[in-house]
C-alpha atoms as a PDB file:
ATOM      1  CA  UNK A   1      52.515 -66.917 -35.135  1.00  0.00           C
ATOM      2  CA  UNK A   2      52.760 -68.549 -31.909  1.00  0.00           C
ATOM      3  CA  UNK A   3      52.669 -65.210 -30.842  1.00  0.00           C
ATOM      4  CA  UNK A   4      49.972 -63.271 -33.000  1.00  0.00           C
ATOM      5  CA  UNK A   5      47.516 -66.180 -31.987  1.00  0.00           C
ATOM      6  CA  UNK A   6      48.302 -65.902 -28.636  1.00  0.00           C
ATOM      7  CA  UNK A   7      47.582 -62.342 -27.899  1.00  0.00           C
ATOM      8  CA  UNK A   8      44.676 -62.762 -30.244  1.00  0.00           C
ATOM      9  CA  UNK A   9      43.222 -65.606 -27.679  1.00  0.00           C
ATOM     10  CA  UNK A  10      43.959 -63.340 -24.639  1.00  0.00           C
ATOM     11  CA  UNK A  11      41.953 -60.381 -26.477  1.00  0.00           C
ATOM     12  CA  UNK A  12      39.162 -62.926 -26.826  1.00  0.00           C
ATOM     13  CA  UNK A  13      39.229 -64.281 -23.458  1.00  0.00           C
ATOM     14  CA  UNK A  14      39.084 -60.821 -22.479  1.00  0.00           C
ATOM     15  CA  UNK A  15      35.705 -59.897 -24.110  1.00  0.00           C
ATOM     16  CA  UNK A  16      34.286 -63.097 -22.721  1.00  0.00           C
ATOM     17  CA  UNK A  17      35.239 -61.928 -19.347  1.00  0.00           C
ATOM     18  CA  UNK A  18      33.886 -58.617 -19.800  1.00  0.00           C
ATOM     19  CA  UNK A  19      30.187 -60.290 -21.285  1.00  0.00           C
ATOM     20  CA  UNK A  20      30.567 -62.859 -18.512  1.00  0.00           C
ATOM     21  CA  UNK A  21      30.523 -59.652 -16.112  1.00  0.00           C
ATOM     22  CA  UNK A  22      27.780 -57.309 -17.394  1.00  0.00           C
ATOM     23  CA  UNK A  23      25.298 -60.866 -17.539  1.00  0.00           C
ATOM     24  CA  UNK A  24      26.112 -62.433 -14.113  1.00  0.00           C
ATOM     25  CA  UNK A  25      23.450 -59.937 -12.532  1.00  0.00           C
ATOM     26  CA  UNK A  26      20.643 -61.560 -14.306  1.00  0.00           C
ATOM     27  CA  UNK A  27      21.425 -65.264 -14.469  1.00  0.00           C
ATOM     28  CA  UNK A  28      22.055 -65.426 -10.815  1.00  0.00           C
ATOM     29  CA  UNK A  29      18.792 -62.671 -10.005  1.00  0.00           C
ATOM     30  CA  UNK A  30      20.903 -60.439  -7.914  1.00  0.00           C
ATOM     31  CA  UNK A  31      22.176 -57.113  -8.701  1.00  0.00           C
ATOM     32  CA  UNK A  32      25.055 -55.762  -6.366  1.00  0.00           C
ATOM     33  CA  UNK A  33      24.788 -52.313  -5.356  1.00  0.00           C
ATOM     34  CA  UNK A  34      28.015 -50.606  -4.244  1.00  0.00           C
ATOM     35  CA  UNK A  35      26.769 -47.559  -1.931  1.00  0.00           C
ATOM     36  CA  UNK A  36      28.469 -45.457   0.742  1.00  0.00           C
ATOM     37  CA  UNK A  37      26.357 -46.813   3.676  1.00  0.00           C
ATOM     38  CA  UNK A  38      27.470 -43.309   5.777  1.00  0.00           C
ATOM     39  CA  UNK A  39      25.168 -40.118   4.407  1.00  0.00           C
ATOM     40  CA  UNK A  40      22.387 -39.372   6.425  1.00  0.00           C
ATOM     41  CA  UNK A  41      19.330 -39.614   4.775  1.00  0.00           C
ATOM     42  CA  UNK A  42      21.365 -41.313   1.141  1.00  0.00           C
ATOM     43  CA  UNK A  43      22.402 -43.942   2.330  1.00  0.00           C
ATOM     44  CA  UNK A  44      22.849 -45.008   5.953  1.00  0.00           C
ATOM     45  CA  UNK A  45      24.184 -48.933   6.848  1.00  0.00           C
ATOM     46  CA  UNK A  46      24.030 -50.702  10.654  1.00  0.00           C
ATOM     47  CA  UNK A  47      25.739 -52.499  12.236  1.00  0.00           C
ATOM     48  CA  UNK A  48      24.180 -55.544  10.597  1.00  0.00           C
ATOM     49  CA  UNK A  49      24.732 -54.601   7.491  1.00  0.00           C
ATOM     50  CA  UNK A  50      21.029 -52.750   6.439  1.00  0.00           C
ATOM     51  CA  UNK A  51      21.030 -50.313   4.519  1.00  0.00           C
ATOM     52  CA  UNK A  52      18.112 -47.851   4.238  1.00  0.00           C
ATOM     53  CA  UNK A  53      17.737 -43.915   3.028  1.00  0.00           C
ATOM     54  CA  UNK A  54      17.098 -42.351  -0.360  1.00  0.00           C
ATOM     55  CA  UNK A  55      19.674 -44.672  -2.681  1.00  0.00           C
ATOM     56  CA  UNK A  56      18.435 -47.839  -1.238  1.00  0.00           C
ATOM     57  CA  UNK A  57      14.962 -47.233  -1.799  1.00  0.00           C
ATOM     58  CA  UNK A  58      16.026 -46.517  -5.250  1.00  0.00           C
ATOM     59  CA  UNK A  59      18.431 -49.647  -5.459  1.00  0.00           C
ATOM     60  CA  UNK A  60      14.846 -51.696  -4.299  1.00  0.00           C
ATOM     61  CA  UNK A  61      12.791 -49.759  -6.607  1.00  0.00           C
ATOM     62  CA  UNK A  62      15.335 -50.745  -9.450  1.00  0.00           C
ATOM     63  CA  UNK A  63      15.412 -54.151  -8.057  1.00  0.00           C
ATOM     64  CA  UNK A  64      11.531 -54.540  -8.533  1.00  0.00           C
ATOM     65  CA  UNK A  65      11.335 -53.659 -11.753  1.00  0.00           C
ATOM     66  CA  UNK A  66      13.827 -56.342 -13.272  1.00  0.00           C
ATOM     67  CA  UNK A  67      12.348 -58.471 -10.731  1.00  0.00           C
ATOM     68  CA  UNK A  68      15.611 -59.292  -9.273  1.00  0.00           C
ATOM     69  CA  UNK A  69      17.133 -59.016  -6.158  1.00  0.00           C
ATOM     70  CA  UNK A  70      19.065 -56.219  -4.047  1.00  0.00           C
ATOM     71  CA  UNK A  71      22.575 -57.328  -2.424  1.00  0.00           C
ATOM     72  CA  UNK A  72      24.414 -53.358  -1.003  1.00  0.00           C
ATOM     73  CA  UNK A  73      27.870 -53.748  -0.879  1.00  0.00           C
ATOM     74  CA  UNK A  74      29.067 -51.104   1.848  1.00  0.00           C
ATOM     75  CA  UNK A  75      32.132 -48.731   1.308  1.00  0.00           C
ATOM     76  CA  UNK A  76      33.288 -45.690   1.346  1.00  0.00           C
ATOM     77  CA  UNK A  77      32.298 -43.187  -1.418  1.00  0.00           C
ATOM     78  CA  UNK A  78      35.468 -41.896  -2.686  1.00  0.00           C
ATOM     79  CA  UNK A  79      36.325 -45.486  -3.264  1.00  0.00           C
ATOM     80  CA  UNK A  80      33.234 -46.641  -5.199  1.00  0.00           C
ATOM     81  CA  UNK A  81      34.247 -45.383  -8.765  1.00  0.00           C
ATOM     82  CA  UNK A  82      37.659 -46.973  -8.599  1.00  0.00           C
ATOM     83  CA  UNK A  83      35.960 -50.156  -7.733  1.00  0.00           C
ATOM     84  CA  UNK A  84      34.139 -50.503 -10.452  1.00  0.00           C
ATOM     85  CA  UNK A  85      35.828 -52.546 -12.496  1.00  0.00           C
ATOM     86  CA  UNK A  86      36.995 -55.299  -9.224  1.00  0.00           C
ATOM     87  CA  UNK A  87      33.280 -56.370  -9.793  1.00  0.00           C
ATOM     88  CA  UNK A  88      32.604 -55.828  -6.323  1.00  0.00           C
ATOM     89  CA  UNK A  89      29.378 -54.926  -7.277  1.00  0.00           C
ATOM     90  CA  UNK A  90      27.086 -54.297 -10.542  1.00  0.00           C
ATOM     91  CA  UNK A  91      25.953 -50.586 -10.000  1.00  0.00           C
ATOM     92  CA  UNK A  92      26.519 -47.471  -7.790  1.00  0.00           C
ATOM     93  CA  UNK A  93      23.232 -46.246  -6.162  1.00  0.00           C
ATOM     94  CA  UNK A  94      25.184 -43.633  -3.819  1.00  0.00           C
ATOM     95  CA  UNK A  95      23.596 -40.287  -4.450  1.00  0.00           C
ATOM     96  CA  UNK A  96      26.270 -40.267  -7.304  1.00  0.00           C
ATOM     97  CA  UNK A  97      26.655 -36.834  -9.525  1.00  0.00           C
ATOM     98  CA  UNK A  98      27.232 -37.316 -13.162  1.00  0.00           C
ATOM     99  CA  UNK A  99      30.657 -35.270 -14.050  1.00  0.00           C
ATOM    100  CA  UNK A 100      32.169 -35.995 -16.978  1.00  0.00           C
ATOM    101  CA  UNK A 101      35.428 -36.808 -15.047  1.00  0.00           C
ATOM    102  CA  UNK A 102      33.909 -39.520 -13.923  1.00  0.00           C
ATOM    103  CA  UNK A 103      31.947 -40.242 -17.122  1.00  0.00           C
ATOM    104  CA  UNK A 104      36.377 -41.200 -18.465  1.00  0.00           C
ATOM    105  CA  UNK A 105      35.961 -44.088 -15.872  1.00  0.00           C
ATOM    106  CA  UNK A 106      32.420 -45.146 -15.947  1.00  0.00           C
ATOM    107  CA  UNK A 107      29.017 -45.009 -17.602  1.00  0.00           C
ATOM    108  CA  UNK A 108      26.191 -43.543 -15.785  1.00  0.00           C
ATOM    109  CA  UNK A 109      21.687 -44.580 -16.386  1.00  0.00           C
ATOM    110  CA  UNK A 110      19.534 -41.524 -17.357  1.00  0.00           C
ATOM    111  CA  UNK A 111      19.707 -39.116 -14.428  1.00  0.00           C
ATOM    112  CA  UNK A 112      17.092 -39.314 -11.905  1.00  0.00           C
ATOM    113  CA  UNK A 113      17.119 -37.015  -8.712  1.00  0.00           C
ATOM    114  CA  UNK A 114      18.922 -33.780  -8.125  1.00  0.00           C
ATOM    115  CA  UNK A 115      19.610 -31.770  -4.525  1.00  0.00           C
ATOM    116  CA  UNK A 116      17.609 -28.300  -5.591  1.00  0.00           C
ATOM    117  CA  UNK A 117      19.281 -25.351  -3.840  1.00  0.00           C
ATOM    118  CA  UNK A 118      17.282 -22.301  -2.954  1.00  0.00           C
ATOM    119  CA  UNK A 119      17.317 -18.496  -2.161  1.00  0.00           C
ATOM    120  CA  UNK A 120      16.102 -17.686   1.939  1.00  0.00           C
ATOM    121  CA  UNK A 121      15.424 -13.968   2.383  1.00  0.00           C
ATOM    122  CA  UNK A 122      13.928 -12.509   6.035  1.00  0.00           C
ATOM    123  CA  UNK A 123       9.750 -13.407   6.023  1.00  0.00           C
ATOM    124  CA  UNK A 124       8.805  -9.937   5.522  1.00  0.00           C
ATOM    125  CA  UNK A 125      10.454  -9.646   2.572  1.00  0.00           C
ATOM    126  CA  UNK A 126       8.482  -8.859  -1.004  1.00  0.00           C
ATOM    127  CA  UNK A 127      11.144 -11.614  -2.333  1.00  0.00           C
ATOM    128  CA  UNK A 128       9.129 -14.522  -0.635  1.00  0.00           C
ATOM    129  CA  UNK A 129       6.461 -13.698  -3.360  1.00  0.00           C
ATOM    130  CA  UNK A 130       8.807 -13.893  -6.900  1.00  0.00           C
ATOM    131  CA  UNK A 131       7.924 -17.418  -9.056  1.00  0.00           C
ATOM    132  CA  UNK A 132      10.922 -16.982 -11.233  1.00  0.00           C
ATOM    133  CA  UNK A 133      14.629 -17.253 -11.519  1.00  0.00           C
ATOM    134  CA  UNK A 134      14.851 -14.717 -13.446  1.00  0.00           C
ATOM    135  CA  UNK A 135      12.435 -12.396 -10.957  1.00  0.00           C
ATOM    136  CA  UNK A 136      14.959 -13.510  -8.818  1.00  0.00           C
ATOM    137  CA  UNK A 137      18.070 -12.452 -10.488  1.00  0.00           C
ATOM    138  CA  UNK A 138      16.494  -9.002 -11.363  1.00  0.00           C
ATOM    139  CA  UNK A 139      15.809  -8.310  -7.501  1.00  0.00           C
ATOM    140  CA  UNK A 140      18.684  -9.457  -5.908  1.00  0.00           C
ATOM    141  CA  UNK A 141      20.990  -7.295  -8.965  1.00  0.00           C
ATOM    142  CA  UNK A 142      22.881  -5.207  -6.205  1.00  0.00           C
ATOM    143  CA  UNK A 143      21.898  -7.164  -3.255  1.00  0.00           C
ATOM    144  CA  UNK A 144      24.514  -9.119  -0.873  1.00  0.00           C
ATOM    145  CA  UNK A 145      24.089 -12.541  -0.979  1.00  0.00           C
ATOM    146  CA  UNK A 146      25.716 -15.269   0.683  1.00  0.00           C
ATOM    147  CA  UNK A 147      27.044 -18.794   0.109  1.00  0.00           C
ATOM    148  CA  UNK A 148      29.748 -21.096   1.297  1.00  0.00           C
ATOM    149  CA  UNK A 149      32.700 -21.722   0.615  1.00  0.00           C
ATOM    150  CA  UNK A 150      33.407 -25.246  -1.639  1.00  0.00           C
ATOM    151  CA  UNK A 151      29.775 -25.157  -3.241  1.00  0.00           C
ATOM    152  CA  UNK A 152      28.976 -24.203  -6.446  1.00  0.00           C
ATOM    153  CA  UNK A 153      27.142 -21.839  -6.298  1.00  0.00           C
ATOM    154  CA  UNK A 154      28.945 -18.784  -5.356  1.00  0.00           C
ATOM    155  CA  UNK A 155      29.720 -19.536  -9.483  1.00  0.00           C
ATOM    156  CA  UNK A 156      26.322 -19.746  -9.838  1.00  0.00           C
ATOM    157  CA  UNK A 157      25.516 -16.247  -8.082  1.00  0.00           C
ATOM    158  CA  UNK A 158      29.075 -14.891  -9.833  1.00  0.00           C
ATOM    159  CA  UNK A 159      27.736 -16.062 -13.217  1.00  0.00           C
ATOM    160  CA  UNK A 160      23.546 -15.544 -13.663  1.00  0.00           C
ATOM    161  CA  UNK A 161      24.283 -12.325 -10.491  1.00  0.00           C
ATOM    162  CA  UNK A 162      26.826 -10.134 -11.766  1.00  0.00           C
ATOM    163  CA  UNK A 163      26.667  -7.072  -9.727  1.00  0.00           C
ATOM    164  CA  UNK A 164      25.845  -8.993  -6.432  1.00  0.00           C
ATOM    165  CA  UNK A 165      27.563  -8.000  -3.232  1.00  0.00           C
ATOM    166  CA  UNK A 166      29.252 -11.606  -2.696  1.00  0.00           C
ATOM    167  CA  UNK A 167      29.827 -13.112   0.520  1.00  0.00           C
ATOM    168  CA  UNK A 168      31.133 -16.685   1.264  1.00  0.00           C
ATOM    169  CA  UNK A 169      31.524 -17.962   4.526  1.00  0.00           C
ATOM    170  CA  UNK A 170      33.693 -21.127   5.125  1.00  0.00           C
ATOM    171  CA  UNK A 171      30.787 -23.146   7.380  1.00  0.00           C
ATOM    172  CA  UNK A 172      26.640 -22.572   6.576  1.00  0.00           C
ATOM    173  CA  UNK A 173      26.225 -21.768  10.663  1.00  0.00           C
ATOM    174  CA  UNK A 174      28.267 -19.046   9.818  1.00  0.00           C
ATOM    175  CA  UNK A 175      25.879 -18.009   6.691  1.00  0.00           C
ATOM    176  CA  UNK A 176      23.194 -18.273   8.747  1.00  0.00           C
ATOM    177  CA  UNK A 177      24.465 -16.199  11.718  1.00  0.00           C
ATOM    178  CA  UNK A 178      25.136 -13.634   9.245  1.00  0.00           C
ATOM    179  CA  UNK A 179      21.228 -13.752   7.229  1.00  0.00           C
ATOM    180  CA  UNK A 180      20.099 -13.793  11.366  1.00  0.00           C
ATOM    181  CA  UNK A 181      21.919 -10.680  12.070  1.00  0.00           C
ATOM    182  CA  UNK A 182      20.270  -8.673   9.040  1.00  0.00           C
ATOM    183  CA  UNK A 183      23.796  -8.379   7.280  1.00  0.00           C
ATOM    184  CA  UNK A 184      22.397 -10.784   4.164  1.00  0.00           C
ATOM    185  CA  UNK A 185      19.362 -10.403   1.879  1.00  0.00           C
ATOM    186  CA  UNK A 186      19.574 -13.373   0.754  1.00  0.00           C
ATOM    187  CA  UNK A 187      21.842 -16.775   1.324  1.00  0.00           C
ATOM    188  CA  UNK A 188      21.895 -19.221  -1.907  1.00  0.00           C
ATOM    189  CA  UNK A 189      21.897 -23.461  -0.549  1.00  0.00           C
ATOM    190  CA  UNK A 190      20.591 -26.540  -0.890  1.00  0.00           C
ATOM    191  CA  UNK A 191      17.668 -27.482  -0.035  1.00  0.00           C
ATOM    192  CA  UNK A 192      18.401 -29.828   3.228  1.00  0.00           C
ATOM    193  CA  UNK A 193      20.326 -26.971   5.100  1.00  0.00           C
ATOM    194  CA  UNK A 194      17.752 -24.688   4.803  1.00  0.00           C
ATOM    195  CA  UNK A 195      15.077 -27.602   5.666  1.00  0.00           C
ATOM    196  CA  UNK A 196      17.103 -27.573   9.066  1.00  0.00           C
ATOM    197  CA  UNK A 197      17.668 -24.164   8.915  1.00  0.00           C
ATOM    198  CA  UNK A 198      13.631 -22.898   8.632  1.00  0.00           C
ATOM    199  CA  UNK A 199      13.079 -25.530  11.094  1.00  0.00           C
ATOM    200  CA  UNK A 200      15.264 -24.261  14.207  1.00  0.00           C
ATOM    201  CA  UNK A 201      14.179 -20.923  16.493  1.00  0.00           C
ATOM    202  CA  UNK A 202      16.652 -18.944  14.008  1.00  0.00           C
ATOM    203  CA  UNK A 203      15.375 -20.178  10.970  1.00  0.00           C
ATOM    204  CA  UNK A 204      11.574 -18.645  12.304  1.00  0.00           C
ATOM    205  CA  UNK A 205      11.847 -15.400  10.730  1.00  0.00           C
ATOM    206  CA  UNK A 206      13.212 -16.398   6.888  1.00  0.00           C
ATOM    207  CA  UNK A 207      11.735 -18.131   4.712  1.00  0.00           C
ATOM    208  CA  UNK A 208      12.593 -20.181   1.165  1.00  0.00           C
ATOM    209  CA  UNK A 209      11.738 -18.473  -2.083  1.00  0.00           C
ATOM    210  CA  UNK A 210       9.503 -21.019  -3.282  1.00  0.00           C
ATOM    211  CA  UNK A 211      11.588 -21.200  -7.273  1.00  0.00           C
ATOM    212  CA  UNK A 212      13.691 -24.417  -7.263  1.00  0.00           C
ATOM    213  CA  UNK A 213      16.847 -23.739  -8.616  1.00  0.00           C
ATOM    214  CA  UNK A 214      18.764 -27.455 -10.719  1.00  0.00           C
ATOM    215  CA  UNK A 215      21.428 -28.305 -12.947  1.00  0.00           C
ATOM    216  CA  UNK A 216      18.823 -27.889 -15.779  1.00  0.00           C
ATOM    217  CA  UNK A 217      19.475 -23.870 -14.732  1.00  0.00           C
ATOM    218  CA  UNK A 218      22.546 -23.971 -15.615  1.00  0.00           C
ATOM    219  CA  UNK A 219      24.843 -27.620 -16.109  1.00  0.00           C
ATOM    220  CA  UNK A 220      28.282 -25.624 -16.358  1.00  0.00           C
ATOM    221  CA  UNK A 221      28.373 -25.008 -12.420  1.00  0.00           C
ATOM    222  CA  UNK A 222      25.135 -27.341 -11.254  1.00  0.00           C
ATOM    223  CA  UNK A 223      26.191 -30.140 -12.872  1.00  0.00           C
ATOM    224  CA  UNK A 224      23.608 -32.852 -14.820  1.00  0.00           C
ATOM    225  CA  UNK A 225      22.433 -34.449 -11.368  1.00  0.00           C
ATOM    226  CA  UNK A 226      22.168 -37.813  -9.838  1.00  0.00           C
ATOM    227  CA  UNK A 227      22.676 -41.256 -11.845  1.00  0.00           C
ATOM    228  CA  UNK A 228      23.616 -45.162 -11.339  1.00  0.00           C
ATOM    229  CA  UNK A 229      27.247 -45.723 -12.424  1.00  0.00           C
ATOM    230  CA  UNK A 230      28.131 -48.932 -13.929  1.00  0.00           C
ATOM    231  CA  UNK A 231      30.609 -50.469 -15.554  1.00  0.00           C
ATOM    232  CA  UNK A 232      31.454 -49.544 -18.984  1.00  0.00           C
ATOM    233  CA  UNK A 233      30.195 -50.746 -22.435  1.00  0.00           C
ATOM    234  CA  UNK A 234      27.212 -52.292 -20.587  1.00  0.00           C
ATOM    235  CA  UNK A 235      24.954 -51.729 -22.611  1.00  0.00           C
ATOM    236  CA  UNK A 236      22.483 -53.971 -22.261  1.00  0.00           C
ATOM    237  CA  UNK A 237      22.359 -53.307 -18.244  1.00  0.00           C
ATOM    238  CA  UNK A 238      21.694 -49.325 -19.325  1.00  0.00           C
ATOM    239  CA  UNK A 239      19.016 -50.303 -21.193  1.00  0.00           C
ATOM    240  CA  UNK A 240      17.456 -52.520 -18.474  1.00  0.00           C
ATOM    241  CA  UNK A 241      18.679 -49.471 -15.749  1.00  0.00           C
ATOM    242  CA  UNK A 242      17.075 -46.313 -18.189  1.00  0.00           C
ATOM    243  CA  UNK A 243      13.677 -48.613 -18.519  1.00  0.00           C
ATOM    244  CA  UNK A 244      13.707 -48.946 -14.189  1.00  0.00           C
ATOM    245  CA  UNK A 245      14.350 -45.202 -13.305  1.00  0.00           C
ATOM    246  CA  UNK A 246      12.187 -43.979 -16.500  1.00  0.00           C
ATOM    247  CA  UNK A 247       8.910 -46.302 -14.647  1.00  0.00           C
ATOM    248  CA  UNK A 248       9.772 -45.139 -11.175  1.00  0.00           C
ATOM    249  CA  UNK A 249      10.160 -41.381 -12.431  1.00  0.00           C
ATOM    250  CA  UNK A 250       6.596 -41.290 -14.015  1.00  0.00           C
ATOM    251  CA  UNK A 251       4.814 -43.793 -11.350  1.00  0.00           C
ATOM    252  CA  UNK A 252       6.107 -40.878  -8.824  1.00  0.00           C
ATOM    253  CA  UNK A 253       7.896 -43.539  -7.063  1.00  0.00           C
ATOM    254  CA  UNK A 254      11.122 -41.688  -7.045  1.00  0.00           C
ATOM    255  CA  UNK A 255       8.972 -38.424  -5.736  1.00  0.00           C
ATOM    256  CA  UNK A 256       7.995 -40.330  -3.216  1.00  0.00           C
ATOM    257  CA  UNK A 257      11.461 -41.460  -2.021  1.00  0.00           C
ATOM    258  CA  UNK A 258      12.718 -38.335  -2.087  1.00  0.00           C
ATOM    259  CA  UNK A 259      10.124 -36.328  -0.331  1.00  0.00           C
ATOM    260  CA  UNK A 260       9.729 -39.049   2.524  1.00  0.00           C
ATOM    261  CA  UNK A 261      13.783 -38.345   3.365  1.00  0.00           C
ATOM    262  CA  UNK A 262      14.441 -34.708   2.332  1.00  0.00           C
ATOM    263  CA  UNK A 263      10.756 -33.498   2.498  1.00  0.00           C
ATOM    264  CA  UNK A 264      10.971 -32.029  -1.211  1.00  0.00           C
ATOM    265  CA  UNK A 265      11.024 -33.582  -4.812  1.00  0.00           C
ATOM    266  CA  UNK A 266      14.342 -33.943  -5.923  1.00  0.00           C
ATOM    267  CA  UNK A 267      12.871 -36.143  -9.707  1.00  0.00           C
ATOM    268  CA  UNK A 268      14.239 -34.876 -12.702  1.00  0.00           C
ATOM    269  CA  UNK A 269      11.576 -35.742 -15.267  1.00  0.00           C
ATOM    270  CA  UNK A 270      12.467 -39.055 -17.631  1.00  0.00           C
ATOM    271  CA  UNK A 271      13.238 -37.216 -21.264  1.00  0.00           C
ATOM    272  CA  UNK A 272      13.588 -41.199 -22.896  1.00  0.00           C
END
């Protein structure tokens, strides 16, 4: 009987501890934010621990909505999810992609942003005027398309343009070199890659087809976008995060932060 009562006490203590951890941020008026701090444009920490970037703007926006202060906890990206249960921070805001594997360990807010992908072609190509992904898929059937190894882009092309002659590269510079030399009809990559390339002399003769490709076009290969990570079962905090993010999306704050840092709108519409 003593052992059984002891077991019950331990279980009850665990519940109390989890509850205390889940409400501490509200009582203290501080939301502790785990972030990488070494991912330019997303999360950048200076020598004094000040964090700037898109992730910081999202975090500070959430804290303003919740009427609490943000306290950033900077550590390596790979250690953020494993540290979620250590009580070092309350949430993760670090360009954190929503994946089924991570869902086994943490919960997520609603998705609020995604890195769009685009096709880039020669500026004088008729493809620059295409208006939909369906049109692009039809126009690039049988054409030569370049992608970088280690990304999800090869799987996307194989699935959506199966007749394409797919060329893969170990580095973006190699891909862009072949694009510039006329050995590719098009290349497929993310928005930051093309913002950088098109601003160079080498990219002056190329243009982005203005059709944004995101996870909404194919969750299986391109994912679900970015979300705020939090401890499993913290339904109170999740509800508050979702509400704050939805308000920020609808008011244009996420779009403004995105365009400031990436020169593009990464916003995912709030479907709450």
